[in-house]
Amino acid sequence: MKRIFITGASSGIGAALALQYAGPGVVLGLAARRKDLLDALGRLIPEGVWRHDRVDNNAAAHIKASILGPSETIPVSAGRLLLGTWQAVMLVELDGPRERRLVVTVR
């Protein structure tokens, strides 16, 4: 499985790269300002236009979740997350609201 991380994914070249690389066998990590990321996903994957919507009217959430991926690996050193200046950890609920179980493993 190929893992690709794209910064600036809310617009321009970053958004174009996200569309280019999204697909089977790829775990795509996108970074942008929190609201910008959700706005970008909304523009890239519109609601109500997918064949799967005939099943549960929820295709856009499933596609967005597939692009974002189910997990993230973040290095830790001396008990601190090693994040870049503009990086943050966020949980994005695309299929709710509903209760979720969040699992954090530190090795």
C-alpha atoms as a PDB file:
ATOM      1  CA  MET A   1       0.000   0.000   0.000  1.00  0.00           C
ATOM      2  CA  LYS A   2       1.346   3.419  -0.976  1.00  0.00           C
ATOM      3  CA  ARG A   3       1.158   6.245   1.591  1.00  0.00           C
ATOM      4  CA  ILE A   4       1.160   9.837   0.342  1.00  0.00           C
ATOM      5  CA  PHE A   5       1.007  12.957   2.512  1.00  0.00           C
ATOM      6  CA  ILE A   6       0.016  16.235   0.862  1.00  0.00           C
ATOM      7  CA  THR A   7       0.242  19.632   2.527  1.00  0.00           C
ATOM      8  CA  GLY A   8      -1.793  22.586   1.331  1.00  0.00           C
ATOM      9  CA  ALA A   9      -4.566  20.222   0.259  1.00  0.00           C
ATOM     10  CA  SER A  10      -7.349  22.791   0.551  1.00  0.00           C
ATOM     11  CA  SER A  11      -6.674  24.450  -2.797  1.00  0.00           C
ATOM     12  CA  GLY A  12      -4.448  24.827  -5.807  1.00  0.00           C
ATOM     13  CA  ILE A  13      -1.680  22.331  -6.438  1.00  0.00           C
ATOM     14  CA  GLY A  14      -2.297  20.486  -3.159  1.00  0.00           C
ATOM     15  CA  ALA A  15      -5.959  19.867  -4.008  1.00  0.00           C
ATOM     16  CA  ALA A  16      -5.050  18.800  -7.549  1.00  0.00           C
ATOM     17  CA  LEU A  17      -2.463  16.359  -6.205  1.00  0.00           C
ATOM     18  CA  ALA A  18      -5.014  14.916  -3.766  1.00  0.00           C
ATOM     19  CA  LEU A  19      -7.370  14.203  -6.657  1.00  0.00           C
ATOM     20  CA  GLN A  20      -4.554  12.770  -8.770  1.00  0.00           C
ATOM     21  CA  TYR A  21      -3.285  10.323  -6.146  1.00  0.00           C
ATOM     22  CA  ALA A  22      -6.590   9.267  -4.529  1.00  0.00           C
ATOM     23  CA  GLY A  23      -7.453   5.717  -5.474  1.00  0.00           C
ATOM     24  CA  PRO A  24      -7.186   2.027  -4.663  1.00  0.00           C
ATOM     25  CA  GLY A  25      -4.038   0.997  -2.825  1.00  0.00           C
ATOM     26  CA  VAL A  26      -3.262   4.541  -1.651  1.00  0.00           C
ATOM     27  CA  VAL A  27      -3.543   5.951   1.860  1.00  0.00           C
ATOM     28  CA  LEU A  28      -3.744   9.687   1.325  1.00  0.00           C
ATOM     29  CA  GLY A  29      -2.906  12.082   4.156  1.00  0.00           C
ATOM     30  CA  LEU A  30      -4.098  15.657   3.655  1.00  0.00           C
ATOM     31  CA  ALA A  31      -3.000  18.668   5.662  1.00  0.00           C
ATOM     32  CA  ALA A  32      -4.593  22.083   5.630  1.00  0.00           C
ATOM     33  CA  ARG A  33      -6.140  24.453   8.080  1.00  0.00           C
ATOM     34  CA  ARG A  34      -8.903  22.524   9.844  1.00  0.00           C
ATOM     35  CA  LYS A  35     -11.864  24.307   8.263  1.00  0.00           C
ATOM     36  CA  ASP A  36     -10.073  24.560   4.927  1.00  0.00           C
ATOM     37  CA  LEU A  37      -9.659  20.779   4.833  1.00  0.00           C
ATOM     38  CA  LEU A  38     -13.366  20.189   5.338  1.00  0.00           C
ATOM     39  CA  ASP A  39     -14.214  22.878   2.765  1.00  0.00           C
ATOM     40  CA  ALA A  40     -11.801  21.293   0.259  1.00  0.00           C
ATOM     41  CA  LEU A  41     -13.331  17.863   0.760  1.00  0.00           C
ATOM     42  CA  GLY A  42     -16.771  19.373   0.262  1.00  0.00           C
ATOM     43  CA  ARG A  43     -15.729  20.922  -3.055  1.00  0.00           C
ATOM     44  CA  LEU A  44     -13.877  17.819  -4.243  1.00  0.00           C
ATOM     45  CA  ILE A  45     -16.615  15.352  -3.254  1.00  0.00           C
ATOM     46  CA  PRO A  46     -20.076  16.912  -3.608  1.00  0.00           C
ATOM     47  CA  GLU A  47     -23.143  15.480  -1.894  1.00  0.00           C
ATOM     48  CA  GLY A  48     -25.917  13.598  -3.679  1.00  0.00           C
ATOM     49  CA  VAL A  49     -24.311  12.839  -7.057  1.00  0.00           C
ATOM     50  CA  TRP A  50     -22.949   9.309  -6.545  1.00  0.00           C
ATOM     51  CA  ARG A  51     -24.493   5.948  -7.522  1.00  0.00           C
ATOM     52  CA  HIS A  52     -24.032   4.724  -3.956  1.00  0.00           C
ATOM     53  CA  ASP A  53     -26.446   7.417  -2.802  1.00  0.00           C
ATOM     54  CA  ARG A  54     -29.250   5.195  -4.111  1.00  0.00           C
ATOM     55  CA  VAL A  55     -28.334   2.753  -1.329  1.00  0.00           C
ATOM     56  CA  ASP A  56     -28.090   5.029   1.724  1.00  0.00           C
ATOM     57  CA  ASN A  57     -27.717   8.625   0.488  1.00  0.00           C
ATOM     58  CA  ASN A  58     -24.324   8.760   2.183  1.00  0.00           C
ATOM     59  CA  ALA A  59     -21.758   8.198  -0.565  1.00  0.00           C
ATOM     60  CA  ALA A  60     -19.902  11.495  -0.115  1.00  0.00           C
ATOM     61  CA  ALA A  61     -19.099  10.673   3.528  1.00  0.00           C
ATOM     62  CA  HIS A  62     -17.800   7.252   2.526  1.00  0.00           C
ATOM     63  CA  ILE A  63     -15.597   8.684  -0.240  1.00  0.00           C
ATOM     64  CA  LYS A  64     -14.207  11.389   2.056  1.00  0.00           C
ATOM     65  CA  ALA A  65     -13.447   8.815   4.753  1.00  0.00           C
ATOM     66  CA  SER A  66     -11.654   6.661   2.163  1.00  0.00           C
ATOM     67  CA  ILE A  67      -9.463   9.581   1.122  1.00  0.00           C
ATOM     68  CA  LEU A  68      -8.635  10.598   4.700  1.00  0.00           C
ATOM     69  CA  GLY A  69      -7.954   7.008   5.785  1.00  0.00           C
ATOM     70  CA  PRO A  70      -8.843   5.309   9.053  1.00  0.00           C
ATOM     71  CA  SER A  71      -5.643   5.948  11.004  1.00  0.00           C
ATOM     72  CA  GLU A  72      -2.564   8.067  11.367  1.00  0.00           C
ATOM     73  CA  THR A  73       0.937   7.362  12.621  1.00  0.00           C
ATOM     74  CA  ILE A  74       2.603  10.201  14.529  1.00  0.00           C
ATOM     75  CA  PRO A  75       6.139   9.927  15.902  1.00  0.00           C
ATOM     76  CA  VAL A  76       6.558  10.514  19.637  1.00  0.00           C
ATOM     77  CA  SER A  77       9.787  11.523  21.362  1.00  0.00           C
ATOM     78  CA  ALA A  78      10.250  12.077  25.095  1.00  0.00           C
ATOM     79  CA  GLY A  79       6.490  11.814  25.563  1.00  0.00           C
ATOM     80  CA  ARG A  80       5.667  14.536  23.015  1.00  0.00           C
ATOM     81  CA  LEU A  81       4.065  14.314  19.590  1.00  0.00           C
ATOM     82  CA  LEU A  82       6.524  15.293  16.869  1.00  0.00           C
ATOM     83  CA  LEU A  83       4.268  17.526  14.803  1.00  0.00           C
ATOM     84  CA  GLY A  84       5.313  20.235  12.397  1.00  0.00           C
ATOM     85  CA  THR A  85       4.575  23.886  13.083  1.00  0.00           C
ATOM     86  CA  TRP A  86       1.192  23.821  11.321  1.00  0.00           C
ATOM     87  CA  GLN A  87       0.246  20.213  12.008  1.00  0.00           C
ATOM     88  CA  ALA A  88      -2.472  19.124  14.414  1.00  0.00           C
ATOM     89  CA  VAL A  89      -4.376  15.982  15.289  1.00  0.00           C
ATOM     90  CA  MET A  90      -8.081  16.064  14.580  1.00  0.00           C
ATOM     91  CA  LEU A  91     -10.958  13.626  14.470  1.00  0.00           C
ATOM     92  CA  VAL A  92     -13.252  14.234  11.505  1.00  0.00           C
ATOM     93  CA  GLU A  93     -16.775  12.836  11.728  1.00  0.00           C
ATOM     94  CA  LEU A  94     -18.141  12.489   8.192  1.00  0.00           C
ATOM     95  CA  ASP A  95     -20.937  10.021   8.854  1.00  0.00           C
ATOM     96  CA  GLY A  96     -22.806  11.256  11.858  1.00  0.00           C
ATOM     97  CA  PRO A  97     -23.308  12.541  14.358  1.00  0.00           C
ATOM     98  CA  ARG A  98     -22.856   9.246  16.134  1.00  0.00           C
ATOM     99  CA  GLU A  99     -20.801   7.796  18.953  1.00  0.00           C
ATOM    100  CA  ARG A 100     -17.325   6.617  18.014  1.00  0.00           C
ATOM    101  CA  ARG A 101     -14.640   4.696  19.849  1.00  0.00           C
ATOM    102  CA  LEU A 102     -11.200   6.292  19.548  1.00  0.00           C
ATOM    103  CA  VAL A 103      -8.192   4.051  20.121  1.00  0.00           C
ATOM    104  CA  VAL A 104      -4.780   5.589  20.827  1.00  0.00           C
ATOM    105  CA  THR A 105      -1.779   3.281  21.012  1.00  0.00           C
ATOM    106  CA  VAL A 106       1.602   4.562  22.175  1.00  0.00           C
ATOM    107  CA  ARG A 107       4.605   2.306  21.641  1.00  0.00           C
END
